[in-house]
Amino acid sequence: MVANMKVSPHQQIGELLEAVGSPVRVRILLAIGTGEVCVCHLESLLGLRQAYISQQLMDLREKGLIASRREGKFIYYRLEKPEVLQLVHVAAGLAGVAENELSIRENSGCDCPKCRQVG
């Protein structure tokens, strides 16, 4: 995209919906929720490979939906725009998905320092 070109509001909305449109990205956004998680935690929760999760996180970060911070060898992700969860919940309602079907079940398989403090 050329830096001087103005993006239409319709294009901005389409890009947002495209960024959130992947089932894996929806699961990632729900897993992050209102907290902060590391990639190893997402691996444990979602049962997906680290490289694939990192690729999805990079796309979400490029769209400005999530932010990250490094703590030692761990990178933690959080929602930059928590309102995106409202979008996911509204979309779920429109799709006929019940709220209880949206939960991401916790898994104790993560060994990061943050998870060890909780456990």
PDB file of N, CA and C in Angstrom:
ATOM      1  N   MET A   1       0.841  -1.175   0.000  1.00  0.00           N
ATOM      2  CA  MET A   1       0.000   0.000   0.000  1.00  0.00           C
ATOM      3  C   MET A   1       0.889   1.243   0.000  1.00  0.00           C
ATOM      4  N   VAL A   2       0.551   2.211  -0.819  1.00  0.00           N
ATOM      5  CA  VAL A   2       1.304   3.452  -0.917  1.00  0.00           C
ATOM      6  C   VAL A   2       0.982   4.323   0.293  1.00  0.00           C
ATOM      7  N   ALA A   3       2.017   4.900   0.899  1.00  0.00           N
ATOM      8  CA  ALA A   3       1.853   5.656   2.141  1.00  0.00           C
ATOM      9  C   ALA A   3       0.931   6.865   1.980  1.00  0.00           C
ATOM     10  N   ASN A   4       0.918   7.494   0.793  1.00  0.00           N
ATOM     11  CA  ASN A   4       0.130   8.701   0.598  1.00  0.00           C
ATOM     12  C   ASN A   4      -1.336   8.416   0.265  1.00  0.00           C
ATOM     13  N   MET A   5      -1.671   7.178  -0.021  1.00  0.00           N
ATOM     14  CA  MET A   5      -3.046   6.851  -0.379  1.00  0.00           C
ATOM     15  C   MET A   5      -3.908   6.755   0.866  1.00  0.00           C
ATOM     16  N   LYS A   6      -5.066   7.418   0.789  1.00  0.00           N
ATOM     17  CA  LYS A   6      -6.016   7.343   1.904  1.00  0.00           C
ATOM     18  C   LYS A   6      -6.824   6.064   1.751  1.00  0.00           C
ATOM     19  N   VAL A   7      -6.918   5.331   2.846  1.00  0.00           N
ATOM     20  CA  VAL A   7      -7.676   4.092   2.858  1.00  0.00           C
ATOM     21  C   VAL A   7      -9.119   4.426   3.211  1.00  0.00           C
ATOM     22  N   SER A   8     -10.049   3.892   2.439  1.00  0.00           N
ATOM     23  CA  SER A   8     -11.460   4.177   2.697  1.00  0.00           C
ATOM     24  C   SER A   8     -11.906   3.499   3.985  1.00  0.00           C
ATOM     25  N   PRO A   9     -12.934   4.041   4.616  1.00  0.00           N
ATOM     26  CA  PRO A   9     -13.465   3.399   5.826  1.00  0.00           C
ATOM     27  C   PRO A   9     -13.902   1.965   5.551  1.00  0.00           C
ATOM     28  N   HIS A  10     -14.448   1.721   4.372  1.00  0.00           N
ATOM     29  CA  HIS A  10     -14.907   0.374   4.017  1.00  0.00           C
ATOM     30  C   HIS A  10     -13.733  -0.598   3.939  1.00  0.00           C
ATOM     31  N   GLN A  11     -12.622  -0.111   3.410  1.00  0.00           N
ATOM     32  CA  GLN A  11     -11.422  -0.942   3.321  1.00  0.00           C
ATOM     33  C   GLN A  11     -10.860  -1.205   4.716  1.00  0.00           C
ATOM     34  N   GLN A  12     -10.880  -0.201   5.585  1.00  0.00           N
ATOM     35  CA  GLN A  12     -10.402  -0.376   6.955  1.00  0.00           C
ATOM     36  C   GLN A  12     -11.217  -1.440   7.677  1.00  0.00           C
ATOM     37  N   ILE A  13     -12.543  -1.398   7.514  1.00  0.00           N
ATOM     38  CA  ILE A  13     -13.407  -2.387   8.156  1.00  0.00           C
ATOM     39  C   ILE A  13     -13.132  -3.770   7.587  1.00  0.00           C
ATOM     40  N   GLY A  14     -13.005  -3.852   6.269  1.00  0.00           N
ATOM     41  CA  GLY A  14     -12.717  -5.134   5.627  1.00  0.00           C
ATOM     42  C   GLY A  14     -11.407  -5.729   6.102  1.00  0.00           C
ATOM     43  N   GLU A  15     -10.383  -4.893   6.246  1.00  0.00           N
ATOM     44  CA  GLU A  15      -9.089  -5.379   6.720  1.00  0.00           C
ATOM     45  C   GLU A  15      -9.170  -5.878   8.161  1.00  0.00           C
ATOM     46  N   LEU A  16      -9.931  -5.185   8.995  1.00  0.00           N
ATOM     47  CA  LEU A  16     -10.109  -5.629  10.379  1.00  0.00           C
ATOM     48  C   LEU A  16     -10.808  -6.984  10.412  1.00  0.00           C
ATOM     49  N   LEU A  17     -11.899  -7.110   9.663  1.00  0.00           N
ATOM     50  CA  LEU A  17     -12.637  -8.368   9.653  1.00  0.00           C
ATOM     51  C   LEU A  17     -11.793  -9.503   9.070  1.00  0.00           C
ATOM     52  N   GLU A  18     -10.976  -9.186   8.082  1.00  0.00           N
ATOM     53  CA  GLU A  18     -10.077 -10.191   7.512  1.00  0.00           C
ATOM     54  C   GLU A  18      -9.045 -10.643   8.551  1.00  0.00           C
ATOM     55  N   ALA A  19      -8.518  -9.696   9.321  1.00  0.00           N
ATOM     56  CA  ALA A  19      -7.511 -10.024  10.336  1.00  0.00           C
ATOM     57  C   ALA A  19      -8.085 -10.936  11.413  1.00  0.00           C
ATOM     58  N   VAL A  20      -9.347 -10.743  11.746  1.00  0.00           N
ATOM     59  CA  VAL A  20      -9.989 -11.524  12.804  1.00  0.00           C
ATOM     60  C   VAL A  20     -10.658 -12.769  12.227  1.00  0.00           C
ATOM     61  N   GLY A  21     -10.779 -12.842  10.905  1.00  0.00           N
ATOM     62  CA  GLY A  21     -11.582 -13.859  10.247  1.00  0.00           C
ATOM     63  C   GLY A  21     -11.102 -15.288  10.319  1.00  0.00           C
ATOM     64  N   SER A  22      -9.883 -15.524  10.668  1.00  0.00           N
ATOM     65  CA  SER A  22      -9.351 -16.889  10.741  1.00  0.00           C
ATOM     66  C   SER A  22      -9.780 -17.558  12.051  1.00  0.00           C
ATOM     67  N   PRO A  23     -10.273 -18.801  11.987  1.00  0.00           N
ATOM     68  CA  PRO A  23     -10.641 -19.499  13.229  1.00  0.00           C
ATOM     69  C   PRO A  23      -9.495 -19.581  14.233  1.00  0.00           C
ATOM     70  N   VAL A  24      -8.275 -19.746  13.754  1.00  0.00           N
ATOM     71  CA  VAL A  24      -7.125 -19.814  14.666  1.00  0.00           C
ATOM     72  C   VAL A  24      -6.910 -18.465  15.343  1.00  0.00           C
ATOM     73  N   ARG A  25      -7.048 -17.393  14.596  1.00  0.00           N
ATOM     74  CA  ARG A  25      -6.868 -16.063  15.186  1.00  0.00           C
ATOM     75  C   ARG A  25      -7.973 -15.765  16.198  1.00  0.00           C
ATOM     76  N   VAL A  26      -9.183 -16.219  15.925  1.00  0.00           N
ATOM     77  CA  VAL A  26     -10.266 -16.056  16.897  1.00  0.00           C
ATOM     78  C   VAL A  26      -9.899 -16.781  18.180  1.00  0.00           C
ATOM     79  N   ARG A  27      -9.395 -18.006  18.062  1.00  0.00           N
ATOM     80  CA  ARG A  27      -8.999 -18.775  19.250  1.00  0.00           C
ATOM     81  C   ARG A  27      -7.867 -18.066  19.997  1.00  0.00           C
ATOM     82  N   ILE A  28      -6.917 -17.509  19.257  1.00  0.00           N
ATOM     83  CA  ILE A  28      -5.804 -16.785  19.889  1.00  0.00           C
ATOM     84  C   ILE A  28      -6.330 -15.572  20.643  1.00  0.00           C
ATOM     85  N   LEU A  29      -7.204 -14.800  20.024  1.00  0.00           N
ATOM     86  CA  LEU A  29      -7.759 -13.615  20.675  1.00  0.00           C
ATOM     87  C   LEU A  29      -8.528 -13.993  21.936  1.00  0.00           C
ATOM     88  N   LEU A  30      -9.297 -15.068  21.860  1.00  0.00           N
ATOM     89  CA  LEU A  30     -10.037 -15.525  23.044  1.00  0.00           C
ATOM     90  C   LEU A  30      -9.084 -16.026  24.124  1.00  0.00           C
ATOM     91  N   ALA A  31      -7.999 -16.682  23.731  1.00  0.00           N
ATOM     92  CA  ALA A  31      -7.029 -17.193  24.705  1.00  0.00           C
ATOM     93  C   ALA A  31      -6.305 -16.053  25.409  1.00  0.00           C
ATOM     94  N   ILE A  32      -5.990 -15.015  24.654  1.00  0.00           N
ATOM     95  CA  ILE A  32      -5.335 -13.858  25.267  1.00  0.00           C
ATOM     96  C   ILE A  32      -6.325 -13.149  26.182  1.00  0.00           C
ATOM     97  N   GLY A  33      -7.568 -13.022  25.718  1.00  0.00           N
ATOM     98  CA  GLY A  33      -8.618 -12.392  26.527  1.00  0.00           C
ATOM     99  C   GLY A  33      -8.199 -11.035  27.032  1.00  0.00           C
ATOM    100  N   THR A  34      -8.363 -10.803  28.302  1.00  0.00           N
ATOM    101  CA  THR A  34      -8.000  -9.513  28.878  1.00  0.00           C
ATOM    102  C   THR A  34      -6.680  -9.594  29.634  1.00  0.00           C
ATOM    103  N   GLY A  35      -5.989 -10.714  29.488  1.00  0.00           N
ATOM    104  CA  GLY A  35      -4.725 -10.891  30.190  1.00  0.00           C
ATOM    105  C   GLY A  35      -3.539 -10.807  29.260  1.00  0.00           C
ATOM    106  N   GLU A  36      -2.553 -11.584  29.576  1.00  0.00           N
ATOM    107  CA  GLU A  36      -1.301 -11.586  28.836  1.00  0.00           C
ATOM    108  C   GLU A  36      -0.801 -13.021  28.791  1.00  0.00           C
ATOM    109  N   VAL A  37      -0.387 -13.490  27.614  1.00  0.00           N
ATOM    110  CA  VAL A  37       0.092 -14.870  27.489  1.00  0.00           C
ATOM    111  C   VAL A  37       1.331 -14.932  26.617  1.00  0.00           C
ATOM    112  N   CYS A  38       2.117 -15.976  26.823  1.00  0.00           N
ATOM    113  CA  CYS A  38       3.301 -16.205  26.008  1.00  0.00           C
ATOM    114  C   CYS A  38       2.973 -17.225  24.921  1.00  0.00           C
ATOM    115  N   VAL A  39       3.852 -17.345  23.954  1.00  0.00           N
ATOM    116  CA  VAL A  39       3.642 -18.280  22.850  1.00  0.00           C
ATOM    117  C   VAL A  39       3.570 -19.711  23.370  1.00  0.00           C
ATOM    118  N   CYS A  40       4.416 -20.063  24.331  1.00  0.00           N
ATOM    119  CA  CYS A  40       4.391 -21.440  24.844  1.00  0.00           C
ATOM    120  C   CYS A  40       3.051 -21.745  25.512  1.00  0.00           C
ATOM    121  N   HIS A  41       2.448 -20.742  26.129  1.00  0.00           N
ATOM    122  CA  HIS A  41       1.126 -20.917  26.736  1.00  0.00           C
ATOM    123  C   HIS A  41       0.080 -21.153  25.640  1.00  0.00           C
ATOM    124  N   LEU A  42       0.164 -20.375  24.561  1.00  0.00           N
ATOM    125  CA  LEU A  42      -0.759 -20.555  23.444  1.00  0.00           C
ATOM    126  C   LEU A  42      -0.573 -21.929  22.800  1.00  0.00           C
ATOM    127  N   GLU A  43       0.680 -22.379  22.686  1.00  0.00           N
ATOM    128  CA  GLU A  43       0.951 -23.726  22.169  1.00  0.00           C
ATOM    129  C   GLU A  43       0.213 -24.772  22.999  1.00  0.00           C
ATOM    130  N   SER A  44       0.334 -24.646  24.295  1.00  0.00           N
ATOM    131  CA  SER A  44      -0.282 -25.590  25.217  1.00  0.00           C
ATOM    132  C   SER A  44      -1.810 -25.539  25.125  1.00  0.00           C
ATOM    133  N   LEU A  45      -2.357 -24.330  25.085  1.00  0.00           N
ATOM    134  CA  LEU A  45      -3.806 -24.165  25.038  1.00  0.00           C
ATOM    135  C   LEU A  45      -4.426 -24.635  23.729  1.00  0.00           C
ATOM    136  N   LEU A  46      -3.760 -24.286  22.630  1.00  0.00           N
ATOM    137  CA  LEU A  46      -4.355 -24.503  21.317  1.00  0.00           C
ATOM    138  C   LEU A  46      -3.916 -25.796  20.642  1.00  0.00           C
ATOM    139  N   GLY A  47      -2.830 -26.389  21.130  1.00  0.00           N
ATOM    140  CA  GLY A  47      -2.335 -27.619  20.516  1.00  0.00           C
ATOM    141  C   GLY A  47      -1.786 -27.402  19.121  1.00  0.00           C
ATOM    142  N   LEU A  48      -1.195 -26.231  18.891  1.00  0.00           N
ATOM    143  CA  LEU A  48      -0.629 -25.901  17.582  1.00  0.00           C
ATOM    144  C   LEU A  48       0.872 -25.663  17.710  1.00  0.00           C
ATOM    145  N   ARG A  49       1.581 -25.746  16.588  1.00  0.00           N
ATOM    146  CA  ARG A  49       3.033 -25.536  16.585  1.00  0.00           C
ATOM    147  C   ARG A  49       3.383 -24.070  16.832  1.00  0.00           C
ATOM    148  N   GLN A  50       4.500 -23.853  17.489  1.00  0.00           N
ATOM    149  CA  GLN A  50       4.964 -22.507  17.832  1.00  0.00           C
ATOM    150  C   GLN A  50       5.126 -21.639  16.592  1.00  0.00           C
ATOM    151  N   ALA A  51       5.694 -22.174  15.518  1.00  0.00           N
ATOM    152  CA  ALA A  51       5.937 -21.386  14.310  1.00  0.00           C
ATOM    153  C   ALA A  51       4.624 -20.877  13.714  1.00  0.00           C
ATOM    154  N   TYR A  52       3.605 -21.719  13.709  1.00  0.00           N
ATOM    155  CA  TYR A  52       2.310 -21.328  13.157  1.00  0.00           C
ATOM    156  C   TYR A  52       1.649 -20.261  14.025  1.00  0.00           C
ATOM    157  N   ILE A  53       1.701 -20.458  15.328  1.00  0.00           N
ATOM    158  CA  ILE A  53       1.133 -19.465  16.252  1.00  0.00           C
ATOM    159  C   ILE A  53       1.858 -18.129  16.107  1.00  0.00           C
ATOM    160  N   SER A  54       3.178 -18.170  16.027  1.00  0.00           N
ATOM    161  CA  SER A  54       3.958 -16.935  15.888  1.00  0.00           C
ATOM    162  C   SER A  54       3.591 -16.187  14.613  1.00  0.00           C
ATOM    163  N   GLN A  55       3.334 -16.922  13.539  1.00  0.00           N
ATOM    164  CA  GLN A  55       2.923 -16.298  12.275  1.00  0.00           C
ATOM    165  C   GLN A  55       1.583 -15.581  12.448  1.00  0.00           C
ATOM    166  N   GLN A  56       0.653 -16.223  13.123  1.00  0.00           N
ATOM    167  CA  GLN A  56      -0.660 -15.613  13.353  1.00  0.00           C
ATOM    168  C   GLN A  56      -0.537 -14.394  14.264  1.00  0.00           C
ATOM    169  N   LEU A  57       0.309 -14.497  15.287  1.00  0.00           N
ATOM    170  CA  LEU A  57       0.536 -13.370  16.197  1.00  0.00           C
ATOM    171  C   LEU A  57       1.142 -12.182  15.452  1.00  0.00           C
ATOM    172  N   MET A  58       2.058 -12.457  14.538  1.00  0.00           N
ATOM    173  CA  MET A  58       2.682 -11.391  13.759  1.00  0.00           C
ATOM    174  C   MET A  58       1.625 -10.656  12.925  1.00  0.00           C
ATOM    175  N   ASP A  59       0.729 -11.402  12.310  1.00  0.00           N
ATOM    176  CA  ASP A  59      -0.332 -10.777  11.519  1.00  0.00           C
ATOM    177  C   ASP A  59      -1.247  -9.923  12.401  1.00  0.00           C
ATOM    178  N   LEU A  60      -1.615 -10.438  13.560  1.00  0.00           N
ATOM    179  CA  LEU A  60      -2.466  -9.675  14.478  1.00  0.00           C
ATOM    180  C   LEU A  60      -1.750  -8.420  14.978  1.00  0.00           C
ATOM    181  N   ARG A  61      -0.445  -8.539  15.220  1.00  0.00           N
ATOM    182  CA  ARG A  61       0.337  -7.390  15.683  1.00  0.00           C
ATOM    183  C   ARG A  61       0.449  -6.335  14.581  1.00  0.00           C
ATOM    184  N   GLU A  62       0.657  -6.780  13.344  1.00  0.00           N
ATOM    185  CA  GLU A  62       0.753  -5.837  12.221  1.00  0.00           C
ATOM    186  C   GLU A  62      -0.540  -5.064  12.014  1.00  0.00           C
ATOM    187  N   LYS A  63      -1.665  -5.679  12.353  1.00  0.00           N
ATOM    188  CA  LYS A  63      -2.964  -5.011  12.239  1.00  0.00           C
ATOM    189  C   LYS A  63      -3.266  -4.144  13.456  1.00  0.00           C
ATOM    190  N   GLY A  64      -2.377  -4.136  14.449  1.00  0.00           N
ATOM    191  CA  GLY A  64      -2.552  -3.301  15.632  1.00  0.00           C
ATOM    192  C   GLY A  64      -3.536  -3.857  16.650  1.00  0.00           C
ATOM    193  N   LEU A  65      -3.856  -5.157  16.540  1.00  0.00           N
ATOM    194  CA  LEU A  65      -4.823  -5.742  17.459  1.00  0.00           C
ATOM    195  C   LEU A  65      -4.184  -6.270  18.735  1.00  0.00           C
ATOM    196  N   ILE A  66      -2.915  -6.640  18.670  1.00  0.00           N
ATOM    197  CA  ILE A  66      -2.206  -7.119  19.855  1.00  0.00           C
ATOM    198  C   ILE A  66      -0.874  -6.395  19.972  1.00  0.00           C
ATOM    199  N   ALA A  67      -0.309  -6.448  21.161  1.00  0.00           N
ATOM    200  CA  ALA A  67       1.012  -5.877  21.432  1.00  0.00           C
ATOM    201  C   ALA A  67       1.820  -6.940  22.168  1.00  0.00           C
ATOM    202  N   SER A  68       3.125  -6.741  22.200  1.00  0.00           N
ATOM    203  CA  SER A  68       3.983  -7.720  22.865  1.00  0.00           C
ATOM    204  C   SER A  68       5.028  -7.020  23.710  1.00  0.00           C
ATOM    205  N   ARG A  69       5.573  -7.803  24.652  1.00  0.00           N
ATOM    206  CA  ARG A  69       6.707  -7.333  25.448  1.00  0.00           C
ATOM    207  C   ARG A  69       7.584  -8.538  25.739  1.00  0.00           C
ATOM    208  N   ARG A  70       8.874  -8.286  25.839  1.00  0.00           N
ATOM    209  CA  ARG A  70       9.828  -9.349  26.114  1.00  0.00           C
ATOM    210  C   ARG A  70      10.217  -9.322  27.579  1.00  0.00           C
ATOM    211  N   GLU A  71      10.297 -10.512  28.165  1.00  0.00           N
ATOM    212  CA  GLU A  71      10.789 -10.677  29.530  1.00  0.00           C
ATOM    213  C   GLU A  71      11.742 -11.866  29.491  1.00  0.00           C
ATOM    214  N   GLY A  72      13.034 -11.577  29.443  1.00  0.00           N
ATOM    215  CA  GLY A  72      14.019 -12.641  29.286  1.00  0.00           C
ATOM    216  C   GLY A  72      13.852 -13.301  27.930  1.00  0.00           C
ATOM    217  N   LYS A  73      13.759 -14.621  27.919  1.00  0.00           N
ATOM    218  CA  LYS A  73      13.590 -15.323  26.642  1.00  0.00           C
ATOM    219  C   LYS A  73      12.119 -15.465  26.243  1.00  0.00           C
ATOM    220  N   PHE A  74      11.207 -14.968  27.067  1.00  0.00           N
ATOM    221  CA  PHE A  74       9.779 -15.102  26.795  1.00  0.00           C
ATOM    222  C   PHE A  74       9.207 -13.804  26.237  1.00  0.00           C
ATOM    223  N   ILE A  75       8.292 -13.946  25.279  1.00  0.00           N
ATOM    224  CA  ILE A  75       7.564 -12.806  24.738  1.00  0.00           C
ATOM    225  C   ILE A  75       6.108 -12.989  25.134  1.00  0.00           C
ATOM    226  N   TYR A  76       5.549 -11.969  25.751  1.00  0.00           N
ATOM    227  CA  TYR A  76       4.169 -12.002  26.211  1.00  0.00           C
ATOM    228  C   TYR A  76       3.303 -11.115  25.319  1.00  0.00           C
ATOM    229  N   TYR A  77       2.122 -11.606  25.007  1.00  0.00           N
ATOM    230  CA  TYR A  77       1.191 -10.898  24.129  1.00  0.00           C
ATOM    231  C   TYR A  77      -0.056 -10.490  24.901  1.00  0.00           C
ATOM    232  N   ARG A  78      -0.585  -9.329  24.545  1.00  0.00           N
ATOM    233  CA  ARG A  78      -1.816  -8.824  25.140  1.00  0.00           C
ATOM    234  C   ARG A  78      -2.608  -8.115  24.043  1.00  0.00           C
ATOM    235  N   LEU A  79      -3.889  -7.929  24.303  1.00  0.00           N
ATOM    236  CA  LEU A  79      -4.725  -7.215  23.340  1.00  0.00           C
ATOM    237  C   LEU A  79      -4.382  -5.734  23.378  1.00  0.00           C
ATOM    238  N   GLU A  80      -4.099  -5.177  22.244  1.00  0.00           N
ATOM    239  CA  GLU A  80      -3.869  -3.743  22.126  1.00  0.00           C
ATOM    240  C   GLU A  80      -5.219  -3.025  22.051  1.00  0.00           C
ATOM    241  N   LYS A  81      -6.180  -3.717  21.457  1.00  0.00           N
ATOM    242  CA  LYS A  81      -7.539  -3.192  21.331  1.00  0.00           C
ATOM    243  C   LYS A  81      -8.497  -4.223  21.926  1.00  0.00           C
ATOM    244  N   PRO A  82      -8.749  -4.143  23.234  1.00  0.00           N
ATOM    245  CA  PRO A  82      -9.619  -5.125  23.882  1.00  0.00           C
ATOM    246  C   PRO A  82     -11.030  -5.178  23.291  1.00  0.00           C
ATOM    247  N   GLU A  83     -11.425  -4.114  22.597  1.00  0.00           N
ATOM    248  CA  GLU A  83     -12.750  -4.084  21.976  1.00  0.00           C
ATOM    249  C   GLU A  83     -12.910  -5.190  20.929  1.00  0.00           C
ATOM    250  N   VAL A  84     -11.792  -5.730  20.445  1.00  0.00           N
ATOM    251  CA  VAL A  84     -11.872  -6.793  19.446  1.00  0.00           C
ATOM    252  C   VAL A  84     -12.589  -8.017  20.025  1.00  0.00           C
ATOM    253  N   LEU A  85     -12.517  -8.195  21.342  1.00  0.00           N
ATOM    254  CA  LEU A  85     -13.258  -9.302  21.966  1.00  0.00           C
ATOM    255  C   LEU A  85     -14.763  -9.094  21.829  1.00  0.00           C
ATOM    256  N   GLN A  86     -15.201  -7.852  21.914  1.00  0.00           N
ATOM    257  CA  GLN A  86     -16.624  -7.565  21.701  1.00  0.00           C
ATOM    258  C   GLN A  86     -17.027  -7.956  20.288  1.00  0.00           C
ATOM    259  N   LEU A  87     -16.166  -7.665  19.318  1.00  0.00           N
ATOM    260  CA  LEU A  87     -16.431  -8.032  17.935  1.00  0.00           C
ATOM    261  C   LEU A  87     -16.570  -9.547  17.800  1.00  0.00           C
ATOM    262  N   VAL A  88     -15.684 -10.285  18.439  1.00  0.00           N
ATOM    263  CA  VAL A  88     -15.737 -11.749  18.401  1.00  0.00           C
ATOM    264  C   VAL A  88     -17.033 -12.249  19.021  1.00  0.00           C
ATOM    265  N   HIS A  89     -17.439 -11.673  20.136  1.00  0.00           N
ATOM    266  CA  HIS A  89     -18.667 -12.106  20.809  1.00  0.00           C
ATOM    267  C   HIS A  89     -19.921 -11.756  19.991  1.00  0.00           C
ATOM    268  N   VAL A  90     -19.918 -10.587  19.373  1.00  0.00           N
ATOM    269  CA  VAL A  90     -21.046 -10.220  18.511  1.00  0.00           C
ATOM    270  C   VAL A  90     -21.110 -11.168  17.309  1.00  0.00           C
ATOM    271  N   ALA A  91     -19.957 -11.441  16.704  1.00  0.00           N
ATOM    272  CA  ALA A  91     -19.909 -12.366  15.566  1.00  0.00           C
ATOM    273  C   ALA A  91     -20.394 -13.752  15.981  1.00  0.00           C
ATOM    274  N   ALA A  92     -20.018 -14.173  17.176  1.00  0.00           N
ATOM    275  CA  ALA A  92     -20.469 -15.478  17.674  1.00  0.00           C
ATOM    276  C   ALA A  92     -21.986 -15.506  17.776  1.00  0.00           C
ATOM    277  N   GLY A  93     -22.564 -14.455  18.315  1.00  0.00           N
ATOM    278  CA  GLY A  93     -24.013 -14.377  18.429  1.00  0.00           C
ATOM    279  C   GLY A  93     -24.688 -14.414  17.070  1.00  0.00           C
ATOM    280  N   LEU A  94     -24.141 -13.677  16.106  1.00  0.00           N
ATOM    281  CA  LEU A  94     -24.702 -13.665  14.760  1.00  0.00           C
ATOM    282  C   LEU A  94     -24.587 -15.033  14.093  1.00  0.00           C
ATOM    283  N   ALA A  95     -23.529 -15.776  14.441  1.00  0.00           N
ATOM    284  CA  ALA A  95     -23.313 -17.102  13.867  1.00  0.00           C
ATOM    285  C   ALA A  95     -24.073 -18.194  14.612  1.00  0.00           C
ATOM    286  N   GLY A  96     -24.765 -17.808  15.697  1.00  0.00           N
ATOM    287  CA  GLY A  96     -25.517 -18.786  16.474  1.00  0.00           C
ATOM    288  C   GLY A  96     -24.663 -19.619  17.410  1.00  0.00           C
ATOM    289  N   VAL A  97     -23.492 -19.095  17.775  1.00  0.00           N
ATOM    290  CA  VAL A  97     -22.587 -19.790  18.691  1.00  0.00           C
ATOM    291  C   VAL A  97     -22.872 -19.310  20.111  1.00  0.00           C
ATOM    292  N   ALA A  98     -23.103 -20.236  21.013  1.00  0.00           N
ATOM    293  CA  ALA A  98     -23.380 -19.903  22.405  1.00  0.00           C
ATOM    294  C   ALA A  98     -22.111 -19.418  23.101  1.00  0.00           C
ATOM    295  N   GLU A  99     -22.272 -18.523  24.069  1.00  0.00           N
ATOM    296  CA  GLU A  99     -21.128 -17.978  24.820  1.00  0.00           C
ATOM    297  C   GLU A  99     -20.260 -19.076  25.435  1.00  0.00           C
ATOM    298  N   ASN A 100     -20.898 -20.126  25.978  1.00  0.00           N
ATOM    299  CA  ASN A 100     -20.113 -21.179  26.632  1.00  0.00           C
ATOM    300  C   ASN A 100     -19.272 -21.978  25.644  1.00  0.00           C
ATOM    301  N   GLU A 101     -19.536 -21.865  24.353  1.00  0.00           N
ATOM    302  CA  GLU A 101     -18.738 -22.550  23.346  1.00  0.00           C
ATOM    303  C   GLU A 101     -17.477 -21.767  22.990  1.00  0.00           C
ATOM    304  N   LEU A 102     -17.358 -20.557  23.485  1.00  0.00           N
ATOM    305  CA  LEU A 102     -16.207 -19.707  23.175  1.00  0.00           C
ATOM    306  C   LEU A 102     -15.039 -19.890  24.128  1.00  0.00           C
ATOM    307  N   SER A 103     -15.257 -20.543  25.244  1.00  0.00           N
ATOM    308  CA  SER A 103     -14.196 -20.631  26.248  1.00  0.00           C
ATOM    309  C   SER A 103     -13.023 -21.462  25.733  1.00  0.00           C
ATOM    310  N   ILE A 104     -11.843 -20.998  26.076  1.00  0.00           N
ATOM    311  CA  ILE A 104     -10.603 -21.723  25.776  1.00  0.00           C
ATOM    312  C   ILE A 104     -10.185 -22.355  27.085  1.00  0.00           C
ATOM    313  N   ARG A 105     -10.183 -23.666  27.135  1.00  0.00           N
ATOM    314  CA  ARG A 105      -9.878 -24.379  28.378  1.00  0.00           C
ATOM    315  C   ARG A 105      -8.402 -24.275  28.735  1.00  0.00           C
ATOM    316  N   GLU A 106      -8.177 -23.975  30.000  1.00  0.00           N
ATOM    317  CA  GLU A 106      -6.799 -23.870  30.500  1.00  0.00           C
ATOM    318  C   GLU A 106      -6.122 -25.233  30.479  1.00  0.00           C
ATOM    319  N   ASN A 107      -4.843 -25.204  30.228  1.00  0.00           N
ATOM    320  CA  ASN A 107      -4.037 -26.414  30.172  1.00  0.00           C
ATOM    321  C   ASN A 107      -2.755 -26.115  30.947  1.00  0.00           C
ATOM    322  N   SER A 108      -2.363 -26.990  31.819  1.00  0.00           N
ATOM    323  CA  SER A 108      -1.193 -26.727  32.661  1.00  0.00           C
ATOM    324  C   SER A 108       0.122 -27.110  31.981  1.00  0.00           C
ATOM    325  N   GLY A 109       0.128 -27.315  30.689  1.00  0.00           N
ATOM    326  CA  GLY A 109       1.328 -27.742  29.993  1.00  0.00           C
ATOM    327  C   GLY A 109       2.369 -26.675  29.775  1.00  0.00           C
ATOM    328  N   CYS A 110       2.070 -25.423  30.066  1.00  0.00           N
ATOM    329  CA  CYS A 110       3.007 -24.329  29.849  1.00  0.00           C
ATOM    330  C   CYS A 110       3.967 -24.232  31.030  1.00  0.00           C
ATOM    331  N   ASP A 111       5.245 -24.016  30.724  1.00  0.00           N
ATOM    332  CA  ASP A 111       6.257 -23.964  31.776  1.00  0.00           C
ATOM    333  C   ASP A 111       6.931 -22.581  31.851  1.00  0.00           C
ATOM    334  N   CYS A 112       6.253 -21.544  31.370  1.00  0.00           N
ATOM    335  CA  CYS A 112       6.869 -20.217  31.455  1.00  0.00           C
ATOM    336  C   CYS A 112       6.830 -19.728  32.910  1.00  0.00           C
ATOM    337  N   PRO A 113       7.660 -18.743  33.252  1.00  0.00           N
ATOM    338  CA  PRO A 113       7.690 -18.250  34.639  1.00  0.00           C
ATOM    339  C   PRO A 113       6.333 -17.750  35.133  1.00  0.00           C
ATOM    340  N   LYS A 114       5.557 -17.122  34.264  1.00  0.00           N
ATOM    341  CA  LYS A 114       4.264 -16.583  34.666  1.00  0.00           C
ATOM    342  C   LYS A 114       3.313 -17.717  35.035  1.00  0.00           C
ATOM    343  N   CYS A 115       3.306 -18.799  34.261  1.00  0.00           N
ATOM    344  CA  CYS A 115       2.423 -19.937  34.562  1.00  0.00           C
ATOM    345  C   CYS A 115       2.897 -20.693  35.800  1.00  0.00           C
ATOM    346  N   ARG A 116       4.197 -20.762  36.007  1.00  0.00           N
ATOM    347  CA  ARG A 116       4.718 -21.437  37.203  1.00  0.00           C
ATOM    348  C   ARG A 116       4.334 -20.702  38.484  1.00  0.00           C
ATOM    349  N   GLN A 117       4.221 -19.347  38.392  1.00  0.00           N
ATOM    350  CA  GLN A 117       3.816 -18.558  39.566  1.00  0.00           C
ATOM    351  C   GLN A 117       2.382 -18.879  39.959  1.00  0.00           C
ATOM    352  N   VAL A 118       1.517 -19.089  38.942  1.00  0.00           N
ATOM    353  CA  VAL A 118       0.112 -19.351  39.186  1.00  0.00           C
ATOM    354  C   VAL A 118      -0.070 -20.770  39.715  1.00  0.00           C
ATOM    355  N   GLY A 119       0.690 -21.719  39.141  1.00  0.00           N
ATOM    356  CA  GLY A 119       0.518 -23.131  39.452  1.00  0.00           C
ATOM    357  C   GLY A 119       1.064 -23.559  40.752  1.00  0.00           C
TER     358      GLY A 119
END
